[in-house]
Amino acid sequence: ALDCAPRWRERLPGIAIPTLVVHGRRDPFFPVGNAEAIAREIPGARLLVLEDAATAIPDTSAAEVAEAMLALGTGRS
């Protein structure tokens, strides 16, 4: 049996590393509001919304995601 307590959502405030939440605006399953809520619950997290993406990061967005990830370590926006 898996121990699922506490639930994953309840553990988000305990994340203590730089975190980038990436979400596609065109995701057919989860609205951007879900990613916004997750990013709010992780201390200091940044949200990157890929306007033309759905559920996967397209190759054309790889540089944008990489730049946002590198910026986490420098504190840049």
PDB file of N, CA and C in Angstrom:
ATOM      1  N   ALA A   1       0.835  -1.179   0.000  1.00  0.00           N
ATOM      2  CA  ALA A   1       0.000   0.000   0.000  1.00  0.00           C
ATOM      3  C   ALA A   1       0.883   1.246   0.000  1.00  0.00           C
ATOM      4  N   LEU A   2       0.479   2.240  -0.745  1.00  0.00           N
ATOM      5  CA  LEU A   2       1.201   3.498  -0.800  1.00  0.00           C
ATOM      6  C   LEU A   2       0.744   4.425   0.311  1.00  0.00           C
ATOM      7  N   ASP A   3       1.698   5.098   0.912  1.00  0.00           N
ATOM      8  CA  ASP A   3       1.364   6.099   1.918  1.00  0.00           C
ATOM      9  C   ASP A   3       1.227   7.432   1.198  1.00  0.00           C
ATOM     10  N   CYS A   4       0.003   7.876   1.009  1.00  0.00           N
ATOM     11  CA  CYS A   4      -0.254   9.105   0.254  1.00  0.00           C
ATOM     12  C   CYS A   4      -0.545  10.290   1.169  1.00  0.00           C
ATOM     13  N   ALA A   5      -0.103  10.203   2.401  1.00  0.00           N
ATOM     14  CA  ALA A   5      -0.344  11.307   3.334  1.00  0.00           C
ATOM     15  C   ALA A   5       0.981  11.959   3.678  1.00  0.00           C
ATOM     16  N   PRO A   6       1.125  13.237   3.708  1.00  0.00           N
ATOM     17  CA  PRO A   6       0.103  14.173   3.246  1.00  0.00           C
ATOM     18  C   PRO A   6       0.008  14.163   1.721  1.00  0.00           C
ATOM     19  N   ARG A   7      -1.107  14.629   1.238  1.00  0.00           N
ATOM     20  CA  ARG A   7      -1.327  14.665  -0.209  1.00  0.00           C
ATOM     21  C   ARG A   7      -0.304  15.592  -0.858  1.00  0.00           C
ATOM     22  N   TRP A   8       0.002  15.373  -2.131  1.00  0.00           N
ATOM     23  CA  TRP A   8       1.051  16.138  -2.818  1.00  0.00           C
ATOM     24  C   TRP A   8       0.799  17.627  -2.755  1.00  0.00           C
ATOM     25  N   ARG A   9      -0.434  18.050  -2.866  1.00  0.00           N
ATOM     26  CA  ARG A   9      -0.747  19.482  -2.874  1.00  0.00           C
ATOM     27  C   ARG A   9      -0.416  20.122  -1.525  1.00  0.00           C
ATOM     28  N   GLU A  10      -0.584  19.371  -0.469  1.00  0.00           N
ATOM     29  CA  GLU A  10      -0.285  19.874   0.868  1.00  0.00           C
ATOM     30  C   GLU A  10       1.216  20.015   1.107  1.00  0.00           C
ATOM     31  N   ARG A  11       2.025  19.339   0.318  1.00  0.00           N
ATOM     32  CA  ARG A  11       3.482  19.392   0.493  1.00  0.00           C
ATOM     33  C   ARG A  11       4.135  20.517  -0.304  1.00  0.00           C
ATOM     34  N   LEU A  12       3.410  21.182  -1.189  1.00  0.00           N
ATOM     35  CA  LEU A  12       3.997  22.232  -2.027  1.00  0.00           C
ATOM     36  C   LEU A  12       4.664  23.351  -1.227  1.00  0.00           C
ATOM     37  N   PRO A  13       4.074  23.823  -0.130  1.00  0.00           N
ATOM     38  CA  PRO A  13       4.731  24.896   0.619  1.00  0.00           C
ATOM     39  C   PRO A  13       6.087  24.490   1.196  1.00  0.00           C
ATOM     40  N   GLY A  14       6.371  23.206   1.267  1.00  0.00           N
ATOM     41  CA  GLY A  14       7.642  22.732   1.801  1.00  0.00           C
ATOM     42  C   GLY A  14       8.766  22.672   0.788  1.00  0.00           C
ATOM     43  N   ILE A  15       8.490  22.973  -0.470  1.00  0.00           N
ATOM     44  CA  ILE A  15       9.540  22.955  -1.491  1.00  0.00           C
ATOM     45  C   ILE A  15      10.459  24.145  -1.245  1.00  0.00           C
ATOM     46  N   ALA A  16      11.742  23.847  -1.097  1.00  0.00           N
ATOM     47  CA  ALA A  16      12.693  24.898  -0.713  1.00  0.00           C
ATOM     48  C   ALA A  16      13.804  25.075  -1.739  1.00  0.00           C
ATOM     49  N   ILE A  17      13.514  24.791  -2.992  1.00  0.00           N
ATOM     50  CA  ILE A  17      14.488  24.991  -4.067  1.00  0.00           C
ATOM     51  C   ILE A  17      13.846  25.864  -5.144  1.00  0.00           C
ATOM     52  N   PRO A  18      14.663  26.530  -5.948  1.00  0.00           N
ATOM     53  CA  PRO A  18      14.083  27.335  -7.031  1.00  0.00           C
ATOM     54  C   PRO A  18      13.187  26.460  -7.921  1.00  0.00           C
ATOM     55  N   THR A  19      11.990  26.935  -8.175  1.00  0.00           N
ATOM     56  CA  THR A  19      11.002  26.141  -8.904  1.00  0.00           C
ATOM     57  C   THR A  19      10.383  26.950 -10.034  1.00  0.00           C
ATOM     58  N   LEU A  20      10.343  26.327 -11.197  1.00  0.00           N
ATOM     59  CA  LEU A  20       9.686  26.914 -12.360  1.00  0.00           C
ATOM     60  C   LEU A  20       8.505  26.032 -12.712  1.00  0.00           C
ATOM     61  N   VAL A  21       7.321  26.597 -12.698  1.00  0.00           N
ATOM     62  CA  VAL A  21       6.108  25.888 -13.110  1.00  0.00           C
ATOM     63  C   VAL A  21       5.859  26.279 -14.559  1.00  0.00           C
ATOM     64  N   VAL A  22       5.836  25.293 -15.450  1.00  0.00           N
ATOM     65  CA  VAL A  22       5.633  25.548 -16.881  1.00  0.00           C
ATOM     66  C   VAL A  22       4.279  24.969 -17.279  1.00  0.00           C
ATOM     67  N   HIS A  23       3.488  25.775 -17.989  1.00  0.00           N
ATOM     68  CA  HIS A  23       2.146  25.330 -18.378  1.00  0.00           C
ATOM     69  C   HIS A  23       1.809  25.869 -19.763  1.00  0.00           C
ATOM     70  N   GLY A  24       1.143  25.049 -20.551  1.00  0.00           N
ATOM     71  CA  GLY A  24       0.703  25.467 -21.879  1.00  0.00           C
ATOM     72  C   GLY A  24      -0.676  26.093 -21.824  1.00  0.00           C
ATOM     73  N   ARG A  25      -0.816  27.264 -22.398  1.00  0.00           N
ATOM     74  CA  ARG A  25      -2.111  27.971 -22.408  1.00  0.00           C
ATOM     75  C   ARG A  25      -3.180  27.130 -23.108  1.00  0.00           C
ATOM     76  N   ARG A  26      -2.803  26.318 -24.078  1.00  0.00           N
ATOM     77  CA  ARG A  26      -3.780  25.537 -24.853  1.00  0.00           C
ATOM     78  C   ARG A  26      -3.992  24.120 -24.311  1.00  0.00           C
ATOM     79  N   ASP A  27      -3.582  23.875 -23.070  1.00  0.00           N
ATOM     80  CA  ASP A  27      -3.782  22.558 -22.452  1.00  0.00           C
ATOM     81  C   ASP A  27      -5.283  22.263 -22.414  1.00  0.00           C
ATOM     82  N   PRO A  28      -5.726  21.171 -23.061  1.00  0.00           N
ATOM     83  CA  PRO A  28      -7.155  20.881 -23.107  1.00  0.00           C
ATOM     84  C   PRO A  28      -7.694  20.262 -21.815  1.00  0.00           C
ATOM     85  N   PHE A  29      -6.821  19.856 -20.919  1.00  0.00           N
ATOM     86  CA  PHE A  29      -7.252  19.161 -19.712  1.00  0.00           C
ATOM     87  C   PHE A  29      -7.252  20.045 -18.469  1.00  0.00           C
ATOM     88  N   PHE A  30      -6.228  20.891 -18.337  1.00  0.00           N
ATOM     89  CA  PHE A  30      -6.086  21.716 -17.134  1.00  0.00           C
ATOM     90  C   PHE A  30      -5.943  23.179 -17.521  1.00  0.00           C
ATOM     91  N   PRO A  31      -6.780  24.052 -16.993  1.00  0.00           N
ATOM     92  CA  PRO A  31      -6.663  25.475 -17.307  1.00  0.00           C
ATOM     93  C   PRO A  31      -5.425  26.083 -16.647  1.00  0.00           C
ATOM     94  N   VAL A  32      -4.994  27.207 -17.139  1.00  0.00           N
ATOM     95  CA  VAL A  32      -3.813  27.892 -16.617  1.00  0.00           C
ATOM     96  C   VAL A  32      -3.988  28.204 -15.131  1.00  0.00           C
ATOM     97  N   GLY A  33      -5.203  28.377 -14.687  1.00  0.00           N
ATOM     98  CA  GLY A  33      -5.462  28.640 -13.275  1.00  0.00           C
ATOM     99  C   GLY A  33      -4.893  27.568 -12.362  1.00  0.00           C
ATOM    100  N   ASN A  34      -4.848  26.326 -12.829  1.00  0.00           N
ATOM    101  CA  ASN A  34      -4.243  25.263 -12.021  1.00  0.00           C
ATOM    102  C   ASN A  34      -2.762  25.540 -11.805  1.00  0.00           C
ATOM    103  N   ALA A  35      -2.062  25.917 -12.853  1.00  0.00           N
ATOM    104  CA  ALA A  35      -0.630  26.215 -12.744  1.00  0.00           C
ATOM    105  C   ALA A  35      -0.406  27.448 -11.879  1.00  0.00           C
ATOM    106  N   GLU A  36      -1.280  28.431 -12.003  1.00  0.00           N
ATOM    107  CA  GLU A  36      -1.164  29.630 -11.171  1.00  0.00           C
ATOM    108  C   GLU A  36      -1.294  29.272  -9.694  1.00  0.00           C
ATOM    109  N   ALA A  37      -2.238  28.392  -9.378  1.00  0.00           N
ATOM    110  CA  ALA A  37      -2.441  27.974  -7.990  1.00  0.00           C
ATOM    111  C   ALA A  37      -1.232  27.209  -7.467  1.00  0.00           C
ATOM    112  N   ILE A  38      -0.683  26.318  -8.275  1.00  0.00           N
ATOM    113  CA  ILE A  38       0.500  25.565  -7.863  1.00  0.00           C
ATOM    114  C   ILE A  38       1.669  26.506  -7.624  1.00  0.00           C
ATOM    115  N   ALA A  39       1.885  27.435  -8.534  1.00  0.00           N
ATOM    116  CA  ALA A  39       2.997  28.377  -8.387  1.00  0.00           C
ATOM    117  C   ALA A  39       2.834  29.242  -7.145  1.00  0.00           C
ATOM    118  N   ARG A  40       1.605  29.607  -6.807  1.00  0.00           N
ATOM    119  CA  ARG A  40       1.356  30.408  -5.596  1.00  0.00           C
ATOM    120  C   ARG A  40       1.689  29.631  -4.324  1.00  0.00           C
ATOM    121  N   GLU A  41       1.502  28.331  -4.355  1.00  0.00           N
ATOM    122  CA  GLU A  41       1.697  27.516  -3.157  1.00  0.00           C
ATOM    123  C   GLU A  41       3.157  27.124  -2.924  1.00  0.00           C
ATOM    124  N   ILE A  42       4.013  27.268  -3.921  1.00  0.00           N
ATOM    125  CA  ILE A  42       5.431  26.963  -3.768  1.00  0.00           C
ATOM    126  C   ILE A  42       6.161  28.269  -3.497  1.00  0.00           C
ATOM    127  N   PRO A  43       6.813  28.380  -2.350  1.00  0.00           N
ATOM    128  CA  PRO A  43       7.496  29.633  -2.007  1.00  0.00           C
ATOM    129  C   PRO A  43       8.495  30.065  -3.084  1.00  0.00           C
ATOM    130  N   GLY A  44       8.313  31.281  -3.590  1.00  0.00           N
ATOM    131  CA  GLY A  44       9.238  31.838  -4.566  1.00  0.00           C
ATOM    132  C   GLY A  44       9.167  31.248  -5.956  1.00  0.00           C
ATOM    133  N   ALA A  45       8.194  30.384  -6.223  1.00  0.00           N
ATOM    134  CA  ALA A  45       8.091  29.763  -7.550  1.00  0.00           C
ATOM    135  C   ALA A  45       7.763  30.801  -8.607  1.00  0.00           C
ATOM    136  N   ARG A  46       8.216  30.521  -9.823  1.00  0.00           N
ATOM    137  CA  ARG A  46       7.876  31.369 -10.963  1.00  0.00           C
ATOM    138  C   ARG A  46       7.049  30.551 -11.936  1.00  0.00           C
ATOM    139  N   LEU A  47       6.137  31.213 -12.605  1.00  0.00           N
ATOM    140  CA  LEU A  47       5.254  30.568 -13.575  1.00  0.00           C
ATOM    141  C   LEU A  47       5.624  31.042 -14.972  1.00  0.00           C
ATOM    142  N   LEU A  48       5.789  30.095 -15.868  1.00  0.00           N
ATOM    143  CA  LEU A  48       6.014  30.392 -17.281  1.00  0.00           C
ATOM    144  C   LEU A  48       4.856  29.766 -18.057  1.00  0.00           C
ATOM    145  N   VAL A  49       4.044  30.602 -18.686  1.00  0.00           N
ATOM    146  CA  VAL A  49       2.935  30.115 -19.504  1.00  0.00           C
ATOM    147  C   VAL A  49       3.374  30.188 -20.963  1.00  0.00           C
ATOM    148  N   LEU A  50       3.356  29.042 -21.612  1.00  0.00           N
ATOM    149  CA  LEU A  50       3.704  28.966 -23.032  1.00  0.00           C
ATOM    150  C   LEU A  50       2.413  29.143 -23.834  1.00  0.00           C
ATOM    151  N   GLU A  51       2.300  30.265 -24.495  1.00  0.00           N
ATOM    152  CA  GLU A  51       1.052  30.644 -25.159  1.00  0.00           C
ATOM    153  C   GLU A  51       0.613  29.657 -26.230  1.00  0.00           C
ATOM    154  N   ASP A  52       1.539  29.076 -26.976  1.00  0.00           N
ATOM    155  CA  ASP A  52       1.174  28.196 -28.084  1.00  0.00           C
ATOM    156  C   ASP A  52       1.300  26.721 -27.753  1.00  0.00           C
ATOM    157  N   ALA A  53       1.516  26.387 -26.479  1.00  0.00           N
ATOM    158  CA  ALA A  53       1.702  24.990 -26.082  1.00  0.00           C
ATOM    159  C   ALA A  53       0.420  24.415 -25.498  1.00  0.00           C
ATOM    160  N   ALA A  54       0.344  23.092 -25.553  1.00  0.00           N
ATOM    161  CA  ALA A  54      -0.782  22.389 -24.947  1.00  0.00           C
ATOM    162  C   ALA A  54      -0.251  21.599 -23.746  1.00  0.00           C
ATOM    163  N   THR A  55      -0.111  20.283 -23.892  1.00  0.00           N
ATOM    164  CA  THR A  55       0.310  19.452 -22.764  1.00  0.00           C
ATOM    165  C   THR A  55       1.788  19.107 -22.776  1.00  0.00           C
ATOM    166  N   ALA A  56       2.489  19.427 -23.830  1.00  0.00           N
ATOM    167  CA  ALA A  56       3.925  19.139 -23.927  1.00  0.00           C
ATOM    168  C   ALA A  56       4.658  20.412 -24.331  1.00  0.00           C
ATOM    169  N   ILE A  57       5.926  20.470 -23.961  1.00  0.00           N
ATOM    170  CA  ILE A  57       6.727  21.633 -24.341  1.00  0.00           C
ATOM    171  C   ILE A  57       7.189  21.435 -25.786  1.00  0.00           C
ATOM    172  N   PRO A  58       6.745  22.311 -26.685  1.00  0.00           N
ATOM    173  CA  PRO A  58       7.174  22.157 -28.077  1.00  0.00           C
ATOM    174  C   PRO A  58       8.648  22.520 -28.240  1.00  0.00           C
ATOM    175  N   ASP A  59       9.281  21.904 -29.219  1.00  0.00           N
ATOM    176  CA  ASP A  59      10.696  22.190 -29.493  1.00  0.00           C
ATOM    177  C   ASP A  59      10.946  23.680 -29.669  1.00  0.00           C
ATOM    178  N   THR A  60       9.988  24.377 -30.233  1.00  0.00           N
ATOM    179  CA  THR A  60      10.162  25.810 -30.484  1.00  0.00           C
ATOM    180  C   THR A  60      10.201  26.634 -29.196  1.00  0.00           C
ATOM    181  N   SER A  61       9.781  26.044 -28.071  1.00  0.00           N
ATOM    182  CA  SER A  61       9.791  26.749 -26.787  1.00  0.00           C
ATOM    183  C   SER A  61      10.961  26.346 -25.900  1.00  0.00           C
ATOM    184  N   ALA A  62      11.788  25.438 -26.362  1.00  0.00           N
ATOM    185  CA  ALA A  62      12.883  24.921 -25.533  1.00  0.00           C
ATOM    186  C   ALA A  62      13.814  26.026 -25.051  1.00  0.00           C
ATOM    187  N   ALA A  63      14.168  26.959 -25.913  1.00  0.00           N
ATOM    188  CA  ALA A  63      15.078  28.042 -25.519  1.00  0.00           C
ATOM    189  C   ALA A  63      14.427  28.939 -24.462  1.00  0.00           C
ATOM    190  N   GLU A  64      13.144  29.222 -24.612  1.00  0.00           N
ATOM    191  CA  GLU A  64      12.433  30.062 -23.642  1.00  0.00           C
ATOM    192  C   GLU A  64      12.390  29.388 -22.266  1.00  0.00           C
ATOM    193  N   VAL A  65      12.141  28.077 -22.256  1.00  0.00           N
ATOM    194  CA  VAL A  65      12.089  27.335 -20.997  1.00  0.00           C
ATOM    195  C   VAL A  65      13.482  27.276 -20.368  1.00  0.00           C
ATOM    196  N   ALA A  66      14.496  27.002 -21.192  1.00  0.00           N
ATOM    197  CA  ALA A  66      15.871  26.939 -20.679  1.00  0.00           C
ATOM    198  C   ALA A  66      16.294  28.280 -20.080  1.00  0.00           C
ATOM    199  N   GLU A  67      15.969  29.372 -20.750  1.00  0.00           N
ATOM    200  CA  GLU A  67      16.310  30.707 -20.244  1.00  0.00           C
ATOM    201  C   GLU A  67      15.622  30.971 -18.907  1.00  0.00           C
ATOM    202  N   ALA A  68      14.351  30.574 -18.790  1.00  0.00           N
ATOM    203  CA  ALA A  68      13.616  30.765 -17.537  1.00  0.00           C
ATOM    204  C   ALA A  68      14.214  29.905 -16.423  1.00  0.00           C
ATOM    205  N   MET A  69      14.647  28.705 -16.755  1.00  0.00           N
ATOM    206  CA  MET A  69      15.271  27.834 -15.760  1.00  0.00           C
ATOM    207  C   MET A  69      16.591  28.429 -15.274  1.00  0.00           C
ATOM    208  N   LEU A  70      17.398  28.919 -16.208  1.00  0.00           N
ATOM    209  CA  LEU A  70      18.681  29.515 -15.824  1.00  0.00           C
ATOM    210  C   LEU A  70      18.467  30.773 -14.981  1.00  0.00           C
ATOM    211  N   ALA A  71      17.413  31.514 -15.273  1.00  0.00           N
ATOM    212  CA  ALA A  71      17.137  32.737 -14.531  1.00  0.00           C
ATOM    213  C   ALA A  71      16.751  32.445 -13.075  1.00  0.00           C
ATOM    214  N   LEU A  72      16.258  31.249 -12.799  1.00  0.00           N
ATOM    215  CA  LEU A  72      15.904  30.893 -11.427  1.00  0.00           C
ATOM    216  C   LEU A  72      17.110  31.038 -10.498  1.00  0.00           C
ATOM    217  N   GLY A  73      18.263  30.622 -10.986  1.00  0.00           N
ATOM    218  CA  GLY A  73      19.473  30.671 -10.168  1.00  0.00           C
ATOM    219  C   GLY A  73      20.025  32.054  -9.973  1.00  0.00           C
ATOM    220  N   THR A  74      19.612  32.984 -10.815  1.00  0.00           N
ATOM    221  CA  THR A  74      20.156  34.345 -10.723  1.00  0.00           C
ATOM    222  C   THR A  74      19.166  35.330 -10.107  1.00  0.00           C
ATOM    223  N   GLY A  75      17.923  34.891  -9.954  1.00  0.00           N
ATOM    224  CA  GLY A  75      16.912  35.778  -9.412  1.00  0.00           C
ATOM    225  C   GLY A  75      16.327  36.737 -10.429  1.00  0.00           C
ATOM    226  N   ARG A  76      16.710  36.576 -11.709  1.00  0.00           N
ATOM    227  CA  ARG A  76      16.153  37.441 -12.752  1.00  0.00           C
ATOM    228  C   ARG A  76      14.728  37.012 -13.064  1.00  0.00           C
ATOM    229  N   SER A  77      13.965  37.919 -13.612  1.00  0.00           N
ATOM    230  CA  SER A  77      12.583  37.606 -14.015  1.00  0.00           C
ATOM    231  C   SER A  77      12.545  37.145 -15.441  1.00  0.00           C
TER     232      SER A  77
END
